[in-house]
Amino acid sequence: MPFGSSSVVVDSSRLYTMYRDGDNEVVVALESATGKTLWEYKYPAVFLKGMNMNTGPGPHATVLVAGSRLYSAGVTGKFHCLNKKTGEVLWTRSLIEEMGGTVMLRGYSNSPIRYRDTVIVMVGGKGHTIAALDLKTGAIRWHGGDFGNSQSSPVLINVDGEETLQLSRQNGSTVVKELWFHSQLRVHHSNVMRVGDYVYGSNGDFAGITYLCLDIRTGQILWRERSMPRANALLVGDRTILLDEEGALHLAKLSPEGLKVKCSFQLLENPSWTPPSIGGTRLYVRDRKSIAALELK
């Protein structure tokens, strides 16, 4: 499979992801049992002025499956709603060129999320930092915010029993209160995994990587592990599967007391920046040029 960093989404007997082919981006559906291609949808995605993709051309975002539909976002901000069974295009929006979104240096990477009958997307820019699009039509249901885009995806939180994108309220207005700050939890392009009151993740960008555990109540770093390269984590029961960026797969136990690696083996040959996925007893992993399936026993 050509280049791509998008996660592999497991939906029953199918897998969905994205890759790049020349000046085009491709959304693809695969048979989960065999890896056979079921359908592909290809569209032009020439890089925009102001983008520098020398660290990798993407796509970066994870597709969203909602009912019978699939939603995808490419590095140039082209957003598609497809029939997940056939790949037929149902509607499209251009988050940057049409909706005035922010051009990201390394390309658009925000994954969409579903909220009720809308799909929430980051756009960036004055008046439309974030927007909600109608799941069926793509019409803008609401938008707001005045700051630029970032590489992070939106996350729904629960405040007083209601799902919201707001953090807190004071005198009827939304406000942000910083509880703590730590400069030594700098997540570059891997994920952070929360288990109870602790988060685990890789700190650092291009050098000096450490894998660490942090108490989210206080911001205190409990331990650092320098032997683990930058890695994406997946919690399975009480064990953690770590796929590091060098393509090695690790089975580990993470706790506030430390990182204990049970076993490791080299699996992939190319840089691996994509978090692993699981469906039943099958694990799906991806590097920049391939996807592999492993049976967990």
C-alpha atoms as a PDB file:
ATOM      1  CA  MET A   1       0.000   0.000   0.000  1.00  0.00           C
ATOM      2  CA  PRO A   2       1.345   3.496  -0.838  1.00  0.00           C
ATOM      3  CA  PHE A   3       2.140   6.075   1.823  1.00  0.00           C
ATOM      4  CA  GLY A   4      -0.255   6.894   4.641  1.00  0.00           C
ATOM      5  CA  SER A   5      -0.440   7.431   8.397  1.00  0.00           C
ATOM      6  CA  SER A   6      -4.213   7.252   8.920  1.00  0.00           C
ATOM      7  CA  SER A   7      -5.375   4.771  11.543  1.00  0.00           C
ATOM      8  CA  VAL A   8      -7.101   1.548  10.529  1.00  0.00           C
ATOM      9  CA  VAL A   9     -10.774   1.620  11.561  1.00  0.00           C
ATOM     10  CA  VAL A  10     -12.345  -1.779  12.237  1.00  0.00           C
ATOM     11  CA  ASP A  11     -16.054  -2.071  11.395  1.00  0.00           C
ATOM     12  CA  SER A  12     -17.334  -5.652  11.570  1.00  0.00           C
ATOM     13  CA  SER A  13     -15.798  -7.513   8.602  1.00  0.00           C
ATOM     14  CA  ARG A  14     -14.304  -4.389   7.033  1.00  0.00           C
ATOM     15  CA  LEU A  15     -11.367  -2.076   7.560  1.00  0.00           C
ATOM     16  CA  TYR A  16     -11.261   1.563   6.482  1.00  0.00           C
ATOM     17  CA  THR A  17      -8.246   3.829   6.127  1.00  0.00           C
ATOM     18  CA  MET A  18      -6.571   6.318   3.754  1.00  0.00           C
ATOM     19  CA  TYR A  19      -3.373   6.575   1.727  1.00  0.00           C
ATOM     20  CA  ARG A  20      -1.682   8.877  -0.773  1.00  0.00           C
ATOM     21  CA  ASP A  21      -1.010   8.037  -4.417  1.00  0.00           C
ATOM     22  CA  GLY A  22       0.981  10.754  -6.188  1.00  0.00           C
ATOM     23  CA  ASP A  23      -1.065  13.966  -6.132  1.00  0.00           C
ATOM     24  CA  ASN A  24      -4.177  12.064  -5.049  1.00  0.00           C
ATOM     25  CA  GLU A  25      -5.570  10.850  -1.753  1.00  0.00           C
ATOM     26  CA  VAL A  26      -7.460   7.571  -1.515  1.00  0.00           C
ATOM     27  CA  VAL A  27     -10.074   6.308   0.929  1.00  0.00           C
ATOM     28  CA  VAL A  28     -10.065   2.508   0.919  1.00  0.00           C
ATOM     29  CA  ALA A  29     -12.210  -0.316   2.289  1.00  0.00           C
ATOM     30  CA  LEU A  30     -10.523  -3.664   2.939  1.00  0.00           C
ATOM     31  CA  GLU A  31     -11.802  -7.098   3.850  1.00  0.00           C
ATOM     32  CA  SER A  32     -10.630  -7.613   7.437  1.00  0.00           C
ATOM     33  CA  ALA A  33     -10.048 -11.361   7.071  1.00  0.00           C
ATOM     34  CA  THR A  34      -7.820 -11.159   3.968  1.00  0.00           C
ATOM     35  CA  GLY A  35      -6.810  -7.531   3.355  1.00  0.00           C
ATOM     36  CA  LYS A  36      -8.519  -7.669  -0.055  1.00  0.00           C
ATOM     37  CA  THR A  37      -9.523  -4.257  -1.432  1.00  0.00           C
ATOM     38  CA  LEU A  38     -13.305  -3.925  -1.603  1.00  0.00           C
ATOM     39  CA  TRP A  39     -13.466  -0.394  -2.978  1.00  0.00           C
ATOM     40  CA  GLU A  40     -11.393   2.773  -3.320  1.00  0.00           C
ATOM     41  CA  TYR A  41     -12.325   6.399  -3.751  1.00  0.00           C
ATOM     42  CA  LYS A  42      -9.550   8.579  -5.190  1.00  0.00           C
ATOM     43  CA  TYR A  43      -9.586  12.377  -5.428  1.00  0.00           C
ATOM     44  CA  PRO A  44      -7.003  15.074  -6.334  1.00  0.00           C
ATOM     45  CA  ALA A  45      -5.202  16.634  -3.349  1.00  0.00           C
ATOM     46  CA  VAL A  46      -2.340  18.808  -4.582  1.00  0.00           C
ATOM     47  CA  PHE A  47      -0.533  20.393  -1.631  1.00  0.00           C
ATOM     48  CA  LEU A  48      -1.541  23.970  -0.874  1.00  0.00           C
ATOM     49  CA  LYS A  49       0.717  27.016  -0.698  1.00  0.00           C
ATOM     50  CA  GLY A  50       2.258  27.210   2.763  1.00  0.00           C
ATOM     51  CA  MET A  51       2.413  23.439   3.292  1.00  0.00           C
ATOM     52  CA  ASN A  52       5.728  21.637   3.854  1.00  0.00           C
ATOM     53  CA  MET A  53       5.250  17.894   3.691  1.00  0.00           C
ATOM     54  CA  ASN A  54       8.871  16.731   3.792  1.00  0.00           C
ATOM     55  CA  THR A  55       8.206  14.707   6.969  1.00  0.00           C
ATOM     56  CA  GLY A  56       5.525  12.713   5.174  1.00  0.00           C
ATOM     57  CA  PRO A  57       2.680  13.536   2.761  1.00  0.00           C
ATOM     58  CA  GLY A  58      -0.133  11.977   4.824  1.00  0.00           C
ATOM     59  CA  PRO A  59      -3.044  11.461   4.998  1.00  0.00           C
ATOM     60  CA  HIS A  60      -2.937  11.806   8.786  1.00  0.00           C
ATOM     61  CA  ALA A  61      -6.560  11.830  10.015  1.00  0.00           C
ATOM     62  CA  THR A  62      -8.638   8.817  11.030  1.00  0.00           C
ATOM     63  CA  VAL A  63     -11.889   8.211   9.168  1.00  0.00           C
ATOM     64  CA  LEU A  64     -15.197   8.224  11.071  1.00  0.00           C
ATOM     65  CA  VAL A  65     -17.798   5.495  10.583  1.00  0.00           C
ATOM     66  CA  ALA A  66     -21.337   6.547  11.538  1.00  0.00           C
ATOM     67  CA  GLY A  67     -24.197   4.255  10.564  1.00  0.00           C
ATOM     68  CA  SER A  68     -24.065   3.513   6.846  1.00  0.00           C
ATOM     69  CA  ARG A  69     -21.705   6.422   6.156  1.00  0.00           C
ATOM     70  CA  LEU A  70     -18.011   7.124   6.349  1.00  0.00           C
ATOM     71  CA  TYR A  71     -16.402  10.566   6.817  1.00  0.00           C
ATOM     72  CA  SER A  72     -12.817  11.387   5.840  1.00  0.00           C
ATOM     73  CA  ALA A  73     -10.507  14.409   6.012  1.00  0.00           C
ATOM     74  CA  GLY A  74      -7.379  14.793   3.880  1.00  0.00           C
ATOM     75  CA  VAL A  75      -4.263  16.934   4.339  1.00  0.00           C
ATOM     76  CA  THR A  76      -5.615  19.727   2.099  1.00  0.00           C
ATOM     77  CA  GLY A  77      -8.830  19.936   4.125  1.00  0.00           C
ATOM     78  CA  LYS A  78     -11.030  18.099   1.623  1.00  0.00           C
ATOM     79  CA  PHE A  79     -13.805  16.480   3.612  1.00  0.00           C
ATOM     80  CA  HIS A  80     -15.917  13.655   2.177  1.00  0.00           C
ATOM     81  CA  CYS A  81     -19.007  11.744   3.199  1.00  0.00           C
ATOM     82  CA  LEU A  82     -19.124   8.334   1.506  1.00  0.00           C
ATOM     83  CA  ASN A  83     -21.400   5.317   1.476  1.00  0.00           C
ATOM     84  CA  LYS A  84     -19.338   2.878   3.546  1.00  0.00           C
ATOM     85  CA  LYS A  85     -20.570  -0.143   1.579  1.00  0.00           C
ATOM     86  CA  THR A  86     -19.841   1.142  -1.931  1.00  0.00           C
ATOM     87  CA  GLY A  87     -17.585   4.203  -1.613  1.00  0.00           C
ATOM     88  CA  GLU A  88     -20.152   6.378  -3.390  1.00  0.00           C
ATOM     89  CA  VAL A  89     -19.713  10.095  -2.664  1.00  0.00           C
ATOM     90  CA  LEU A  90     -22.729  11.522  -0.816  1.00  0.00           C
ATOM     91  CA  TRP A  91     -21.406  15.044  -0.173  1.00  0.00           C
ATOM     92  CA  THR A  92     -18.145  16.991   0.114  1.00  0.00           C
ATOM     93  CA  ARG A  93     -16.876  20.176   1.805  1.00  0.00           C
ATOM     94  CA  SER A  94     -13.540  21.992   1.534  1.00  0.00           C
ATOM     95  CA  LEU A  95     -12.647  23.005   5.071  1.00  0.00           C
ATOM     96  CA  ILE A  96      -9.851  25.316   3.913  1.00  0.00           C
ATOM     97  CA  GLU A  97     -10.674  26.691   0.466  1.00  0.00           C
ATOM     98  CA  GLU A  98     -14.472  26.834   0.889  1.00  0.00           C
ATOM     99  CA  MET A  99     -14.887  27.402   4.626  1.00  0.00           C
ATOM    100  CA  GLY A 100     -11.808  29.604   5.134  1.00  0.00           C
ATOM    101  CA  GLY A 101      -9.883  27.216   7.372  1.00  0.00           C
ATOM    102  CA  THR A 102      -6.269  27.488   8.486  1.00  0.00           C
ATOM    103  CA  VAL A 103      -3.550  26.004   6.256  1.00  0.00           C
ATOM    104  CA  MET A 104      -1.399  23.698   8.397  1.00  0.00           C
ATOM    105  CA  LEU A 105       2.342  23.444   7.712  1.00  0.00           C
ATOM    106  CA  ARG A 106       2.307  19.630   7.831  1.00  0.00           C
ATOM    107  CA  GLY A 107      -1.203  19.299   6.442  1.00  0.00           C
ATOM    108  CA  TYR A 108      -4.632  18.937   7.984  1.00  0.00           C
ATOM    109  CA  SER A 109      -4.579  16.093  10.514  1.00  0.00           C
ATOM    110  CA  ASN A 110      -7.716  16.514  12.641  1.00  0.00           C
ATOM    111  CA  SER A 111      -9.973  13.486  12.858  1.00  0.00           C
ATOM    112  CA  PRO A 112     -13.743  14.189  12.794  1.00  0.00           C
ATOM    113  CA  ILE A 113     -16.003  13.112  15.653  1.00  0.00           C
ATOM    114  CA  ARG A 114     -19.725  12.449  15.749  1.00  0.00           C
ATOM    115  CA  TYR A 115     -22.107  14.280  18.056  1.00  0.00           C
ATOM    116  CA  ARG A 116     -25.737  13.232  17.719  1.00  0.00           C
ATOM    117  CA  ASP A 117     -26.763  14.089  14.132  1.00  0.00           C
ATOM    118  CA  THR A 118     -23.670  16.181  13.352  1.00  0.00           C
ATOM    119  CA  VAL A 119     -20.019  15.631  12.573  1.00  0.00           C
ATOM    120  CA  ILE A 120     -17.665  18.015  14.383  1.00  0.00           C
ATOM    121  CA  VAL A 121     -14.577  19.233  12.526  1.00  0.00           C
ATOM    122  CA  MET A 122     -11.757  21.640  13.221  1.00  0.00           C
ATOM    123  CA  VAL A 123     -11.582  24.428  10.648  1.00  0.00           C
ATOM    124  CA  GLY A 124      -9.485  27.245  12.120  1.00  0.00           C
ATOM    125  CA  GLY A 125      -9.747  30.998  11.675  1.00  0.00           C
ATOM    126  CA  LYS A 126     -11.824  33.890  12.951  1.00  0.00           C
ATOM    127  CA  GLY A 127     -15.417  32.923  13.586  1.00  0.00           C
ATOM    128  CA  HIS A 128     -15.014  29.275  12.650  1.00  0.00           C
ATOM    129  CA  THR A 129     -12.325  27.572  14.701  1.00  0.00           C
ATOM    130  CA  ILE A 130     -14.636  24.587  15.008  1.00  0.00           C
ATOM    131  CA  ALA A 131     -17.815  23.654  13.156  1.00  0.00           C
ATOM    132  CA  ALA A 132     -20.607  21.089  13.236  1.00  0.00           C
ATOM    133  CA  LEU A 133     -21.828  19.742   9.892  1.00  0.00           C
ATOM    134  CA  ASP A 134     -25.089  17.922   9.308  1.00  0.00           C
ATOM    135  CA  LEU A 135     -24.378  14.194   9.000  1.00  0.00           C
ATOM    136  CA  LYS A 136     -26.771  13.738   6.084  1.00  0.00           C
ATOM    137  CA  THR A 137     -26.240  16.910   4.023  1.00  0.00           C
ATOM    138  CA  GLY A 138     -22.958  18.543   5.116  1.00  0.00           C
ATOM    139  CA  ALA A 139     -24.767  21.803   5.869  1.00  0.00           C
ATOM    140  CA  ILE A 140     -23.171  23.944   8.586  1.00  0.00           C
ATOM    141  CA  ARG A 141     -25.240  23.603  11.764  1.00  0.00           C
ATOM    142  CA  TRP A 142     -23.037  25.892  13.865  1.00  0.00           C
ATOM    143  CA  HIS A 143     -19.506  27.282  13.996  1.00  0.00           C
ATOM    144  CA  GLY A 144     -17.500  29.483  16.337  1.00  0.00           C
ATOM    145  CA  GLY A 145     -14.163  30.401  17.864  1.00  0.00           C
ATOM    146  CA  ASP A 146     -11.468  32.805  16.732  1.00  0.00           C
ATOM    147  CA  PHE A 147      -8.196  30.906  16.924  1.00  0.00           C
ATOM    148  CA  GLY A 148      -6.187  29.018  14.324  1.00  0.00           C
ATOM    149  CA  ASN A 149      -6.221  25.300  13.746  1.00  0.00           C
ATOM    150  CA  SER A 150      -3.867  22.809  15.413  1.00  0.00           C
ATOM    151  CA  GLN A 151      -2.818  19.228  14.773  1.00  0.00           C
ATOM    152  CA  SER A 152      -5.049  17.905  17.578  1.00  0.00           C
ATOM    153  CA  SER A 153      -8.545  16.495  17.075  1.00  0.00           C
ATOM    154  CA  PRO A 154     -11.559  17.761  19.045  1.00  0.00           C
ATOM    155  CA  VAL A 155     -12.630  15.721  22.073  1.00  0.00           C
ATOM    156  CA  LEU A 156     -16.030  15.625  23.758  1.00  0.00           C
ATOM    157  CA  ILE A 157     -16.030  15.857  27.554  1.00  0.00           C
ATOM    158  CA  ASN A 158     -18.812  15.483  30.098  1.00  0.00           C
ATOM    159  CA  VAL A 159     -19.604  18.530  32.230  1.00  0.00           C
ATOM    160  CA  ASP A 160     -22.383  18.264  34.816  1.00  0.00           C
ATOM    161  CA  GLY A 161     -23.898  15.319  32.977  1.00  0.00           C
ATOM    162  CA  GLU A 162     -23.857  16.930  29.532  1.00  0.00           C
ATOM    163  CA  GLU A 163     -21.504  16.262  26.655  1.00  0.00           C
ATOM    164  CA  THR A 164     -19.813  19.490  25.635  1.00  0.00           C
ATOM    165  CA  LEU A 165     -16.816  21.037  23.945  1.00  0.00           C
ATOM    166  CA  GLN A 166     -16.712  23.745  26.617  1.00  0.00           C
ATOM    167  CA  LEU A 167     -14.445  23.498  29.628  1.00  0.00           C
ATOM    168  CA  SER A 168     -16.258  25.549  32.267  1.00  0.00           C
ATOM    169  CA  ARG A 169     -18.616  28.491  32.724  1.00  0.00           C
ATOM    170  CA  GLN A 170     -18.405  31.692  34.707  1.00  0.00           C
ATOM    171  CA  ASN A 171     -21.148  34.358  34.665  1.00  0.00           C
ATOM    172  CA  GLY A 172     -22.648  32.695  31.596  1.00  0.00           C
ATOM    173  CA  SER A 173     -19.380  32.723  29.644  1.00  0.00           C
ATOM    174  CA  THR A 174     -17.014  29.907  28.777  1.00  0.00           C
ATOM    175  CA  VAL A 175     -13.666  30.213  30.523  1.00  0.00           C
ATOM    176  CA  VAL A 176     -10.518  28.130  30.715  1.00  0.00           C
ATOM    177  CA  LYS A 177      -8.751  27.538  34.010  1.00  0.00           C
ATOM    178  CA  GLU A 178      -5.276  26.063  33.937  1.00  0.00           C
ATOM    179  CA  LEU A 179      -4.901  23.425  36.632  1.00  0.00           C
ATOM    180  CA  TRP A 180      -1.260  22.637  35.937  1.00  0.00           C
ATOM    181  CA  PHE A 181       1.328  22.807  33.179  1.00  0.00           C
ATOM    182  CA  HIS A 182       4.292  20.568  32.452  1.00  0.00           C
ATOM    183  CA  SER A 183       6.838  21.258  29.730  1.00  0.00           C
ATOM    184  CA  GLN A 184       8.145  17.687  29.835  1.00  0.00           C
ATOM    185  CA  LEU A 185       5.030  16.087  28.390  1.00  0.00           C
ATOM    186  CA  ARG A 186       5.439  17.220  24.814  1.00  0.00           C
ATOM    187  CA  VAL A 187       3.540  14.844  22.562  1.00  0.00           C
ATOM    188  CA  HIS A 188       4.817  14.991  18.994  1.00  0.00           C
ATOM    189  CA  HIS A 189       2.834  12.610  16.757  1.00  0.00           C
ATOM    190  CA  SER A 190       2.114   9.611  19.007  1.00  0.00           C
ATOM    191  CA  ASN A 191      -0.928   9.091  21.217  1.00  0.00           C
ATOM    192  CA  VAL A 192      -1.416   9.464  24.959  1.00  0.00           C
ATOM    193  CA  MET A 193      -3.270   6.743  26.863  1.00  0.00           C
ATOM    194  CA  ARG A 194      -5.219   7.408  30.037  1.00  0.00           C
ATOM    195  CA  VAL A 195      -5.782   4.643  32.586  1.00  0.00           C
ATOM    196  CA  GLY A 196      -7.584   5.866  35.695  1.00  0.00           C
ATOM    197  CA  ASP A 197      -5.841   8.973  37.018  1.00  0.00           C
ATOM    198  CA  TYR A 198      -2.650   8.403  35.032  1.00  0.00           C
ATOM    199  CA  VAL A 199      -1.598   9.061  31.460  1.00  0.00           C
ATOM    200  CA  TYR A 200       1.187   7.350  29.563  1.00  0.00           C
ATOM    201  CA  GLY A 201       2.928   8.686  26.482  1.00  0.00           C
ATOM    202  CA  SER A 202       6.099   9.671  24.664  1.00  0.00           C
ATOM    203  CA  ASN A 203       7.710  13.041  25.383  1.00  0.00           C
ATOM    204  CA  GLY A 204       9.912  14.832  22.854  1.00  0.00           C
ATOM    205  CA  ASP A 205      10.069  15.652  19.165  1.00  0.00           C
ATOM    206  CA  PHE A 206      13.161  14.714  17.149  1.00  0.00           C
ATOM    207  CA  ALA A 207      15.616  13.760  19.900  1.00  0.00           C
ATOM    208  CA  GLY A 208      15.787  12.735  23.538  1.00  0.00           C
ATOM    209  CA  ILE A 209      12.561  10.674  23.578  1.00  0.00           C
ATOM    210  CA  THR A 210      11.314   9.371  26.925  1.00  0.00           C
ATOM    211  CA  TYR A 211       8.219   7.319  27.675  1.00  0.00           C
ATOM    212  CA  LEU A 212       6.621   8.556  30.873  1.00  0.00           C
ATOM    213  CA  CYS A 213       3.755   8.334  33.334  1.00  0.00           C
ATOM    214  CA  LEU A 214       2.021  11.448  34.633  1.00  0.00           C
ATOM    215  CA  ASP A 215      -0.585  11.942  37.385  1.00  0.00           C
ATOM    216  CA  ILE A 216      -3.390  13.963  35.741  1.00  0.00           C
ATOM    217  CA  ARG A 217      -4.602  15.283  39.099  1.00  0.00           C
ATOM    218  CA  THR A 218      -1.347  17.017  39.940  1.00  0.00           C
ATOM    219  CA  GLY A 219       0.780  17.048  36.781  1.00  0.00           C
ATOM    220  CA  GLN A 220       3.530  15.162  38.593  1.00  0.00           C
ATOM    221  CA  ILE A 221       5.704  12.892  36.460  1.00  0.00           C
ATOM    222  CA  LEU A 222       6.022   9.562  38.262  1.00  0.00           C
ATOM    223  CA  TRP A 223       8.613   7.908  36.054  1.00  0.00           C
ATOM    224  CA  ARG A 224      10.510   8.172  32.776  1.00  0.00           C
ATOM    225  CA  GLU A 225      11.752   5.316  30.593  1.00  0.00           C
ATOM    226  CA  ARG A 226      14.462   6.082  28.033  1.00  0.00           C
ATOM    227  CA  SER A 227      14.734   2.585  26.533  1.00  0.00           C
ATOM    228  CA  MET A 228      11.354   2.813  24.778  1.00  0.00           C
ATOM    229  CA  PRO A 229      11.358   4.671  21.432  1.00  0.00           C
ATOM    230  CA  ARG A 230       8.440   6.952  20.599  1.00  0.00           C
ATOM    231  CA  ALA A 231       5.402   4.664  20.571  1.00  0.00           C
ATOM    232  CA  ASN A 232       1.633   4.490  20.180  1.00  0.00           C
ATOM    233  CA  ALA A 233      -0.287   2.545  22.823  1.00  0.00           C
ATOM    234  CA  LEU A 234      -3.389   0.331  22.830  1.00  0.00           C
ATOM    235  CA  LEU A 235      -4.854  -1.004  26.083  1.00  0.00           C
ATOM    236  CA  VAL A 236      -6.106  -4.606  25.867  1.00  0.00           C
ATOM    237  CA  GLY A 237      -7.407  -5.848  29.207  1.00  0.00           C
ATOM    238  CA  ASP A 238      -4.713  -5.100  31.753  1.00  0.00           C
ATOM    239  CA  ARG A 239      -1.903  -5.242  29.189  1.00  0.00           C
ATOM    240  CA  THR A 240      -0.691  -2.602  26.769  1.00  0.00           C
ATOM    241  CA  ILE A 241       0.369  -3.141  23.166  1.00  0.00           C
ATOM    242  CA  LEU A 242       3.005  -0.612  22.110  1.00  0.00           C
ATOM    243  CA  LEU A 243       4.004  -0.087  18.478  1.00  0.00           C
ATOM    244  CA  ASP A 244       7.123   2.053  18.347  1.00  0.00           C
ATOM    245  CA  GLU A 245       8.071   4.272  15.427  1.00  0.00           C
ATOM    246  CA  GLU A 246      10.840   1.865  14.398  1.00  0.00           C
ATOM    247  CA  GLY A 247       8.268  -0.856  13.703  1.00  0.00           C
ATOM    248  CA  ALA A 248       8.799  -2.989  16.827  1.00  0.00           C
ATOM    249  CA  LEU A 249       5.785  -4.374  18.681  1.00  0.00           C
ATOM    250  CA  HIS A 250       5.873  -4.681  22.477  1.00  0.00           C
ATOM    251  CA  LEU A 251       3.554  -6.343  24.992  1.00  0.00           C
ATOM    252  CA  ALA A 252       3.863  -4.444  28.250  1.00  0.00           C
ATOM    253  CA  LYS A 253       2.379  -3.744  31.646  1.00  0.00           C
ATOM    254  CA  LEU A 254       1.974  -0.046  32.452  1.00  0.00           C
ATOM    255  CA  SER A 255       1.352   1.175  35.984  1.00  0.00           C
ATOM    256  CA  PRO A 256       2.243   4.149  38.200  1.00  0.00           C
ATOM    257  CA  GLU A 257       5.169   2.011  39.373  1.00  0.00           C
ATOM    258  CA  GLY A 258       6.755   1.645  35.958  1.00  0.00           C
ATOM    259  CA  LEU A 259       6.920   0.085  32.496  1.00  0.00           C
ATOM    260  CA  LYS A 260       7.480  -3.681  32.332  1.00  0.00           C
ATOM    261  CA  VAL A 261       7.950  -5.112  28.843  1.00  0.00           C
ATOM    262  CA  LYS A 262       6.882  -8.767  28.636  1.00  0.00           C
ATOM    263  CA  CYS A 263       8.052  -9.419  25.072  1.00  0.00           C
ATOM    264  CA  SER A 264       9.073  -7.566  21.904  1.00  0.00           C
ATOM    265  CA  PHE A 265       9.695  -8.355  18.254  1.00  0.00           C
ATOM    266  CA  GLN A 266      10.472  -6.445  15.084  1.00  0.00           C
ATOM    267  CA  LEU A 267       7.388  -6.462  12.861  1.00  0.00           C
ATOM    268  CA  LEU A 268       7.403  -3.576  10.368  1.00  0.00           C
ATOM    269  CA  GLU A 269      10.167  -2.229   8.150  1.00  0.00           C
ATOM    270  CA  ASN A 270       9.200   1.427   7.664  1.00  0.00           C
ATOM    271  CA  PRO A 271       8.543   4.321  10.074  1.00  0.00           C
ATOM    272  CA  SER A 272       5.428   3.473  12.088  1.00  0.00           C
ATOM    273  CA  TRP A 273       3.457   6.502  13.265  1.00  0.00           C
ATOM    274  CA  THR A 274      -0.017   4.918  13.264  1.00  0.00           C
ATOM    275  CA  PRO A 275      -1.669   3.621  16.469  1.00  0.00           C
ATOM    276  CA  PRO A 276      -2.578  -0.090  16.383  1.00  0.00           C
ATOM    277  CA  SER A 277      -6.243  -1.155  16.109  1.00  0.00           C
ATOM    278  CA  ILE A 278      -8.041  -4.252  17.336  1.00  0.00           C
ATOM    279  CA  GLY A 279     -11.157  -6.119  16.232  1.00  0.00           C
ATOM    280  CA  GLY A 280     -12.046  -9.250  18.195  1.00  0.00           C
ATOM    281  CA  THR A 281      -8.798 -11.183  18.574  1.00  0.00           C
ATOM    282  CA  ARG A 282      -7.107  -9.629  15.551  1.00  0.00           C
ATOM    283  CA  LEU A 283      -4.611  -6.785  15.802  1.00  0.00           C
ATOM    284  CA  TYR A 284      -4.028  -4.423  12.864  1.00  0.00           C
ATOM    285  CA  VAL A 285      -0.808  -2.438  12.579  1.00  0.00           C
ATOM    286  CA  ARG A 286       0.488  -0.086   9.930  1.00  0.00           C
ATOM    287  CA  ASP A 287       3.683   1.598   8.869  1.00  0.00           C
ATOM    288  CA  ARG A 288       4.073   4.123   6.069  1.00  0.00           C
ATOM    289  CA  LYS A 289       3.826   1.521   3.320  1.00  0.00           C
ATOM    290  CA  SER A 290       2.033  -1.554   4.640  1.00  0.00           C
ATOM    291  CA  ILE A 291      -0.731  -2.933   6.865  1.00  0.00           C
ATOM    292  CA  ALA A 292      -0.436  -6.210   8.781  1.00  0.00           C
ATOM    293  CA  ALA A 293      -2.911  -8.322  10.734  1.00  0.00           C
ATOM    294  CA  LEU A 294      -1.944 -10.494  13.697  1.00  0.00           C
ATOM    295  CA  GLU A 295      -4.019 -13.045  15.581  1.00  0.00           C
ATOM    296  CA  LEU A 296      -3.790 -12.579  19.353  1.00  0.00           C
ATOM    297  CA  LYS A 297      -3.823 -15.776  21.392  1.00  0.00           C
END
